[in-house]
Amino acid sequence: MGCLRTLFFQIGCLVLLVALAFFGWVYREQTMDLVRRLRGLPPKADAVYVMPAASPAEAEGALARLARRGGPAYVDLSAAEVGALIDAALARSGRRVVDSVQVGLLEHELRIRGSLDLSGIPRNALGPLSGALDPREPIVIGGPLAVDSTGRLIMEVTTLRVKDFPFPRSTIPVLVRQLRIPGALGNAVPVPGMAGVGDVRVTPERVRFYRSAQR
């Protein structure tokens, strides 16, 4: 009996360690934030969010010059100009999922802050938060940008916070699917208002769009 008790104890410890490792990986960002707070370190820096420019006309003109034969090799847009393009594209969409858009830039990452319409999302998709959320809640969505073969700007969503709750990366594709975003696949979401470019680079100061090699 003593040997069996020892064996079961060892198995139980192993299962507990595996569970802790699993949840530590799934909630690694939250865990690191907690560790930083316990050690008295400042929280991880977030983007500085800015309101969209008053009009998207200047940004649209810059992208039009980029697409023109003999145009520049690249154009730089500010966070405010990118926000104006996104906001204008969302306004033209049939059902506006996000409004009150603000944009922030990090190294290799774009972040969008706004107000999310949750009315079309089944409550069971929100897990334990389902009873604590109103029809509209603040959202932060972010990740690195890339350009697909058609010239569309795509965000690989690695950050998703709703009402200050950070969703684990493994749950992001489920929530993205429930939002019914046109063209979204897994955690890859098209960024509205920008297309026809060859490449993109994001820094805290700007978003640089490169012309397509086909032009």
C-alpha atoms as a PDB file:
ATOM      1  CA  MET A   1       0.000   0.000   0.000  1.00  0.00           C
ATOM      2  CA  GLY A   2       2.832   2.340   0.793  1.00  0.00           C
ATOM      3  CA  CYS A   3       4.258   1.900  -2.700  1.00  0.00           C
ATOM      4  CA  LEU A   4       0.854   2.520  -4.309  1.00  0.00           C
ATOM      5  CA  ARG A   5       0.335   5.612  -2.188  1.00  0.00           C
ATOM      6  CA  THR A   6       3.733   6.931  -3.262  1.00  0.00           C
ATOM      7  CA  LEU A   7       2.966   6.133  -6.918  1.00  0.00           C
ATOM      8  CA  PHE A   8      -0.398   7.915  -6.831  1.00  0.00           C
ATOM      9  CA  PHE A   9       1.221  10.886  -5.103  1.00  0.00           C
ATOM     10  CA  GLN A  10       3.885  11.101  -7.797  1.00  0.00           C
ATOM     11  CA  ILE A  11       1.271  10.829 -10.567  1.00  0.00           C
ATOM     12  CA  GLY A  12      -0.799  13.553  -8.895  1.00  0.00           C
ATOM     13  CA  CYS A  13       2.238  15.838  -8.673  1.00  0.00           C
ATOM     14  CA  LEU A  14       3.041  15.215 -12.330  1.00  0.00           C
ATOM     15  CA  VAL A  15      -0.529  16.023 -13.405  1.00  0.00           C
ATOM     16  CA  LEU A  16      -0.437  19.214 -11.314  1.00  0.00           C
ATOM     17  CA  LEU A  17       2.868  20.282 -12.852  1.00  0.00           C
ATOM     18  CA  VAL A  18       1.565  19.615 -16.370  1.00  0.00           C
ATOM     19  CA  ALA A  19      -1.597  21.632 -15.613  1.00  0.00           C
ATOM     20  CA  LEU A  20       0.440  24.519 -14.182  1.00  0.00           C
ATOM     21  CA  ALA A  21       2.745  24.472 -17.199  1.00  0.00           C
ATOM     22  CA  PHE A  22      -0.261  24.454 -19.558  1.00  0.00           C
ATOM     23  CA  PHE A  23      -2.024  27.367 -17.882  1.00  0.00           C
ATOM     24  CA  GLY A  24       1.286  29.195 -17.486  1.00  0.00           C
ATOM     25  CA  TRP A  25       1.784  28.973 -21.252  1.00  0.00           C
ATOM     26  CA  VAL A  26      -1.793  29.882 -22.184  1.00  0.00           C
ATOM     27  CA  TYR A  27      -1.806  32.844 -19.777  1.00  0.00           C
ATOM     28  CA  ARG A  28       1.889  33.661 -20.160  1.00  0.00           C
ATOM     29  CA  GLU A  29       1.339  37.375 -20.790  1.00  0.00           C
ATOM     30  CA  GLN A  30      -0.824  37.737 -17.689  1.00  0.00           C
ATOM     31  CA  THR A  31       1.667  35.654 -15.691  1.00  0.00           C
ATOM     32  CA  MET A  32       4.579  37.852 -16.747  1.00  0.00           C
ATOM     33  CA  ASP A  33       2.593  40.976 -15.851  1.00  0.00           C
ATOM     34  CA  LEU A  34       1.928  39.493 -12.396  1.00  0.00           C
ATOM     35  CA  VAL A  35       5.613  38.634 -11.947  1.00  0.00           C
ATOM     36  CA  ARG A  36       6.580  42.183 -12.911  1.00  0.00           C
ATOM     37  CA  ARG A  37       4.143  43.626 -10.363  1.00  0.00           C
ATOM     38  CA  LEU A  38       5.393  41.305  -7.601  1.00  0.00           C
ATOM     39  CA  ARG A  39       8.964  42.338  -8.349  1.00  0.00           C
ATOM     40  CA  GLY A  40       8.037  46.019  -8.288  1.00  0.00           C
ATOM     41  CA  LEU A  41       8.845  46.492 -11.965  1.00  0.00           C
ATOM     42  CA  PRO A  42       6.844  48.839 -14.219  1.00  0.00           C
ATOM     43  CA  PRO A  43       4.215  47.199 -16.439  1.00  0.00           C
ATOM     44  CA  LYS A  44       5.115  46.299 -20.005  1.00  0.00           C
ATOM     45  CA  ALA A  45       4.908  49.397 -22.176  1.00  0.00           C
ATOM     46  CA  ASP A  46       1.731  49.764 -24.223  1.00  0.00           C
ATOM     47  CA  ALA A  47       1.266  51.765 -27.377  1.00  0.00           C
ATOM     48  CA  VAL A  48       0.448  55.471 -27.280  1.00  0.00           C
ATOM     49  CA  TYR A  49      -2.997  55.695 -28.892  1.00  0.00           C
ATOM     50  CA  VAL A  50      -4.019  58.643 -31.044  1.00  0.00           C
ATOM     51  CA  MET A  51      -7.285  59.736 -32.585  1.00  0.00           C
ATOM     52  CA  PRO A  52      -7.712  59.373 -36.360  1.00  0.00           C
ATOM     53  CA  ALA A  53      -6.831  62.329 -38.547  1.00  0.00           C
ATOM     54  CA  ALA A  54      -9.780  64.546 -39.393  1.00  0.00           C
ATOM     55  CA  SER A  55      -9.860  63.263 -42.963  1.00  0.00           C
ATOM     56  CA  PRO A  56      -8.406  60.188 -44.686  1.00  0.00           C
ATOM     57  CA  ALA A  57      -7.818  62.186 -47.890  1.00  0.00           C
ATOM     58  CA  GLU A  58      -4.078  62.774 -47.373  1.00  0.00           C
ATOM     59  CA  ALA A  59      -3.406  59.120 -46.496  1.00  0.00           C
ATOM     60  CA  GLU A  60      -5.522  57.924 -49.429  1.00  0.00           C
ATOM     61  CA  GLY A  61      -3.567  60.226 -51.716  1.00  0.00           C
ATOM     62  CA  ALA A  62      -0.245  58.851 -50.445  1.00  0.00           C
ATOM     63  CA  LEU A  63      -1.320  55.271 -51.126  1.00  0.00           C
ATOM     64  CA  ALA A  64      -2.639  56.293 -54.558  1.00  0.00           C
ATOM     65  CA  ARG A  65       0.783  57.777 -55.429  1.00  0.00           C
ATOM     66  CA  LEU A  66       2.397  54.536 -54.267  1.00  0.00           C
ATOM     67  CA  ALA A  67       0.227  52.538 -56.675  1.00  0.00           C
ATOM     68  CA  ARG A  68       0.845  54.895 -59.598  1.00  0.00           C
ATOM     69  CA  ARG A  69       3.371  53.963 -62.283  1.00  0.00           C
ATOM     70  CA  GLY A  70       6.586  55.853 -61.525  1.00  0.00           C
ATOM     71  CA  GLY A  71       5.419  56.566 -57.983  1.00  0.00           C
ATOM     72  CA  PRO A  72       7.622  56.513 -54.861  1.00  0.00           C
ATOM     73  CA  ALA A  73       9.228  53.312 -53.554  1.00  0.00           C
ATOM     74  CA  TYR A  74       7.435  53.763 -50.234  1.00  0.00           C
ATOM     75  CA  VAL A  75       5.236  56.139 -48.251  1.00  0.00           C
ATOM     76  CA  ASP A  76       5.105  56.735 -44.504  1.00  0.00           C
ATOM     77  CA  LEU A  77       1.826  57.183 -42.634  1.00  0.00           C
ATOM     78  CA  SER A  78       1.369  58.254 -39.035  1.00  0.00           C
ATOM     79  CA  ALA A  79      -0.822  56.439 -36.533  1.00  0.00           C
ATOM     80  CA  ALA A  80      -3.440  59.176 -36.972  1.00  0.00           C
ATOM     81  CA  GLU A  81      -3.456  58.721 -40.773  1.00  0.00           C
ATOM     82  CA  VAL A  82      -3.712  54.924 -40.487  1.00  0.00           C
ATOM     83  CA  GLY A  83      -6.561  55.417 -38.015  1.00  0.00           C
ATOM     84  CA  ALA A  84      -8.362  57.689 -40.484  1.00  0.00           C
ATOM     85  CA  LEU A  85      -8.147  55.009 -43.211  1.00  0.00           C
ATOM     86  CA  ILE A  86      -9.442  52.296 -40.882  1.00  0.00           C
ATOM     87  CA  ASP A  87     -12.226  54.498 -39.506  1.00  0.00           C
ATOM     88  CA  ALA A  88     -13.388  55.506 -43.000  1.00  0.00           C
ATOM     89  CA  ALA A  89     -13.408  51.877 -44.180  1.00  0.00           C
ATOM     90  CA  LEU A  90     -15.405  50.777 -41.122  1.00  0.00           C
ATOM     91  CA  ALA A  91     -17.904  53.584 -41.706  1.00  0.00           C
ATOM     92  CA  ARG A  92     -18.501  52.269 -45.230  1.00  0.00           C
ATOM     93  CA  SER A  93     -19.100  48.705 -44.026  1.00  0.00           C
ATOM     94  CA  GLY A  94     -22.626  47.343 -43.654  1.00  0.00           C
ATOM     95  CA  ARG A  95     -22.360  46.467 -39.955  1.00  0.00           C
ATOM     96  CA  ARG A  96     -19.827  48.417 -37.963  1.00  0.00           C
ATOM     97  CA  VAL A  97     -18.299  46.063 -35.403  1.00  0.00           C
ATOM     98  CA  VAL A  98     -15.833  48.581 -33.943  1.00  0.00           C
ATOM     99  CA  ASP A  99     -16.180  52.343 -33.593  1.00  0.00           C
ATOM    100  CA  SER A 100     -14.394  55.132 -31.658  1.00  0.00           C
ATOM    101  CA  VAL A 101     -11.173  53.909 -33.279  1.00  0.00           C
ATOM    102  CA  GLN A 102      -7.748  54.922 -31.997  1.00  0.00           C
ATOM    103  CA  VAL A 103      -4.428  53.569 -33.295  1.00  0.00           C
ATOM    104  CA  GLY A 104      -1.132  52.942 -31.517  1.00  0.00           C
ATOM    105  CA  LEU A 105       2.214  51.791 -32.902  1.00  0.00           C
ATOM    106  CA  LEU A 106       4.824  49.512 -31.382  1.00  0.00           C
ATOM    107  CA  GLU A 107       7.906  47.938 -32.890  1.00  0.00           C
ATOM    108  CA  HIS A 108       6.599  45.552 -35.594  1.00  0.00           C
ATOM    109  CA  GLU A 109       3.049  45.805 -34.234  1.00  0.00           C
ATOM    110  CA  LEU A 110      -0.100  47.807 -34.870  1.00  0.00           C
ATOM    111  CA  ARG A 111      -2.727  48.138 -32.137  1.00  0.00           C
ATOM    112  CA  ILE A 112      -6.298  49.343 -32.519  1.00  0.00           C
ATOM    113  CA  ARG A 113      -8.419  50.509 -29.601  1.00  0.00           C
ATOM    114  CA  GLY A 114     -12.137  51.093 -29.882  1.00  0.00           C
ATOM    115  CA  SER A 115     -15.645  50.166 -28.802  1.00  0.00           C
ATOM    116  CA  LEU A 116     -16.703  46.633 -29.764  1.00  0.00           C
ATOM    117  CA  ASP A 117     -20.270  45.672 -30.668  1.00  0.00           C
ATOM    118  CA  LEU A 118     -20.871  42.358 -28.871  1.00  0.00           C
ATOM    119  CA  SER A 119     -24.537  42.040 -29.814  1.00  0.00           C
ATOM    120  CA  GLY A 120     -23.829  39.545 -32.597  1.00  0.00           C
ATOM    121  CA  ILE A 121     -21.535  37.274 -30.580  1.00  0.00           C
ATOM    122  CA  PRO A 122     -23.023  34.229 -28.813  1.00  0.00           C
ATOM    123  CA  ARG A 123     -22.517  34.604 -25.084  1.00  0.00           C
ATOM    124  CA  ASN A 124     -21.037  31.116 -24.758  1.00  0.00           C
ATOM    125  CA  ALA A 125     -18.142  32.243 -26.965  1.00  0.00           C
ATOM    126  CA  LEU A 126     -17.110  34.714 -24.253  1.00  0.00           C
ATOM    127  CA  GLY A 127     -16.623  32.071 -21.574  1.00  0.00           C
ATOM    128  CA  PRO A 128     -16.707  33.258 -17.944  1.00  0.00           C
ATOM    129  CA  LEU A 129     -17.010  36.891 -19.062  1.00  0.00           C
ATOM    130  CA  SER A 130     -20.395  36.350 -20.712  1.00  0.00           C
ATOM    131  CA  GLY A 131     -22.419  37.643 -17.760  1.00  0.00           C
ATOM    132  CA  ALA A 132     -20.133  40.597 -17.067  1.00  0.00           C
ATOM    133  CA  LEU A 133     -20.157  42.260 -20.482  1.00  0.00           C
ATOM    134  CA  ASP A 134     -22.474  44.928 -21.864  1.00  0.00           C
ATOM    135  CA  PRO A 135     -23.584  45.058 -25.533  1.00  0.00           C
ATOM    136  CA  ARG A 136     -20.651  47.410 -26.169  1.00  0.00           C
ATOM    137  CA  GLU A 137     -17.284  47.143 -24.465  1.00  0.00           C
ATOM    138  CA  PRO A 138     -13.812  48.632 -24.989  1.00  0.00           C
ATOM    139  CA  ILE A 139     -11.463  46.459 -27.031  1.00  0.00           C
ATOM    140  CA  VAL A 140      -7.771  46.443 -27.869  1.00  0.00           C
ATOM    141  CA  ILE A 141      -6.688  44.299 -30.810  1.00  0.00           C
ATOM    142  CA  GLY A 142      -3.147  44.155 -32.111  1.00  0.00           C
ATOM    143  CA  GLY A 143      -0.401  42.219 -33.801  1.00  0.00           C
ATOM    144  CA  PRO A 144       2.201  42.302 -36.575  1.00  0.00           C
ATOM    145  CA  LEU A 145       1.230  43.260 -40.112  1.00  0.00           C
ATOM    146  CA  ALA A 146       1.906  41.470 -43.378  1.00  0.00           C
ATOM    147  CA  VAL A 147       0.758  41.705 -46.992  1.00  0.00           C
ATOM    148  CA  ASP A 148      -0.868  38.737 -48.702  1.00  0.00           C
ATOM    149  CA  SER A 149      -0.530  37.749 -52.348  1.00  0.00           C
ATOM    150  CA  THR A 150      -3.409  40.048 -53.373  1.00  0.00           C
ATOM    151  CA  GLY A 151      -1.906  43.128 -51.721  1.00  0.00           C
ATOM    152  CA  ARG A 152      -4.272  43.118 -48.745  1.00  0.00           C
ATOM    153  CA  LEU A 153      -2.927  44.255 -45.397  1.00  0.00           C
ATOM    154  CA  ILE A 154      -3.310  41.438 -42.840  1.00  0.00           C
ATOM    155  CA  MET A 155      -2.944  41.585 -39.060  1.00  0.00           C
ATOM    156  CA  GLU A 156      -1.911  38.422 -37.228  1.00  0.00           C
ATOM    157  CA  VAL A 157      -3.825  39.044 -34.009  1.00  0.00           C
ATOM    158  CA  THR A 158      -1.635  38.272 -30.996  1.00  0.00           C
ATOM    159  CA  THR A 159      -3.219  40.721 -28.528  1.00  0.00           C
ATOM    160  CA  LEU A 160      -6.941  40.847 -27.753  1.00  0.00           C
ATOM    161  CA  ARG A 161      -8.353  42.578 -24.674  1.00  0.00           C
ATOM    162  CA  VAL A 162     -12.043  43.119 -24.014  1.00  0.00           C
ATOM    163  CA  LYS A 163     -12.932  45.241 -20.974  1.00  0.00           C
ATOM    164  CA  ASP A 164      -9.297  44.923 -19.757  1.00  0.00           C
ATOM    165  CA  PHE A 165      -9.497  41.108 -19.896  1.00  0.00           C
ATOM    166  CA  PRO A 166      -6.652  39.715 -22.045  1.00  0.00           C
ATOM    167  CA  PHE A 167      -7.836  36.693 -24.006  1.00  0.00           C
ATOM    168  CA  PRO A 168      -5.247  33.896 -24.331  1.00  0.00           C
ATOM    169  CA  ARG A 169      -3.872  33.564 -27.850  1.00  0.00           C
ATOM    170  CA  SER A 170      -5.391  30.105 -28.206  1.00  0.00           C
ATOM    171  CA  THR A 171      -8.908  31.587 -27.863  1.00  0.00           C
ATOM    172  CA  ILE A 172      -8.438  34.467 -30.326  1.00  0.00           C
ATOM    173  CA  PRO A 173      -9.406  32.533 -33.516  1.00  0.00           C
ATOM    174  CA  VAL A 174     -12.717  31.494 -31.902  1.00  0.00           C
ATOM    175  CA  LEU A 175     -13.661  35.071 -31.019  1.00  0.00           C
ATOM    176  CA  VAL A 176     -12.530  36.364 -34.430  1.00  0.00           C
ATOM    177  CA  ARG A 177     -14.741  33.759 -36.102  1.00  0.00           C
ATOM    178  CA  GLN A 178     -17.735  34.824 -33.981  1.00  0.00           C
ATOM    179  CA  LEU A 179     -17.219  38.445 -35.060  1.00  0.00           C
ATOM    180  CA  ARG A 180     -17.770  37.338 -38.688  1.00  0.00           C
ATOM    181  CA  ILE A 181     -15.067  39.641 -40.027  1.00  0.00           C
ATOM    182  CA  PRO A 182     -14.986  39.332 -43.848  1.00  0.00           C
ATOM    183  CA  GLY A 183     -11.817  37.608 -45.042  1.00  0.00           C
ATOM    184  CA  ALA A 184     -10.651  36.596 -41.552  1.00  0.00           C
ATOM    185  CA  LEU A 185      -9.013  33.196 -41.193  1.00  0.00           C
ATOM    186  CA  GLY A 186      -7.938  31.914 -37.787  1.00  0.00           C
ATOM    187  CA  ASN A 187      -6.245  34.867 -36.114  1.00  0.00           C
ATOM    188  CA  ALA A 188      -5.401  36.554 -39.444  1.00  0.00           C
ATOM    189  CA  VAL A 189      -7.646  39.605 -39.944  1.00  0.00           C
ATOM    190  CA  PRO A 190      -7.653  41.953 -42.970  1.00  0.00           C
ATOM    191  CA  VAL A 191      -7.027  45.575 -41.979  1.00  0.00           C
ATOM    192  CA  PRO A 192      -9.705  47.678 -43.730  1.00  0.00           C
ATOM    193  CA  GLY A 193      -8.895  50.667 -45.896  1.00  0.00           C
ATOM    194  CA  MET A 194      -5.444  49.590 -47.122  1.00  0.00           C
ATOM    195  CA  ALA A 195      -4.670  47.348 -50.091  1.00  0.00           C
ATOM    196  CA  GLY A 196      -2.492  47.145 -53.170  1.00  0.00           C
ATOM    197  CA  VAL A 197       0.868  47.449 -51.385  1.00  0.00           C
ATOM    198  CA  GLY A 198       3.918  45.209 -51.645  1.00  0.00           C
ATOM    199  CA  ASP A 199       5.160  45.173 -48.059  1.00  0.00           C
ATOM    200  CA  VAL A 200       4.774  46.971 -44.743  1.00  0.00           C
ATOM    201  CA  ARG A 201       6.977  47.850 -41.755  1.00  0.00           C
ATOM    202  CA  VAL A 202       5.732  49.188 -38.405  1.00  0.00           C
ATOM    203  CA  THR A 203       7.774  51.250 -35.930  1.00  0.00           C
ATOM    204  CA  PRO A 204       6.603  53.359 -32.953  1.00  0.00           C
ATOM    205  CA  GLU A 205       6.936  56.442 -35.175  1.00  0.00           C
ATOM    206  CA  ARG A 206       5.277  55.368 -38.434  1.00  0.00           C
ATOM    207  CA  VAL A 207       3.879  52.689 -40.733  1.00  0.00           C
ATOM    208  CA  ARG A 208       5.913  52.400 -43.937  1.00  0.00           C
ATOM    209  CA  PHE A 209       4.155  50.991 -46.996  1.00  0.00           C
ATOM    210  CA  TYR A 210       6.269  49.730 -49.899  1.00  0.00           C
ATOM    211  CA  ARG A 211       5.099  49.663 -53.485  1.00  0.00           C
ATOM    212  CA  SER A 212       4.335  46.362 -55.143  1.00  0.00           C
ATOM    213  CA  ALA A 213       7.087  44.947 -57.351  1.00  0.00           C
ATOM    214  CA  GLN A 214       4.459  44.301 -60.038  1.00  0.00           C
ATOM    215  CA  ARG A 215       4.034  48.036 -60.691  1.00  0.00           C
END
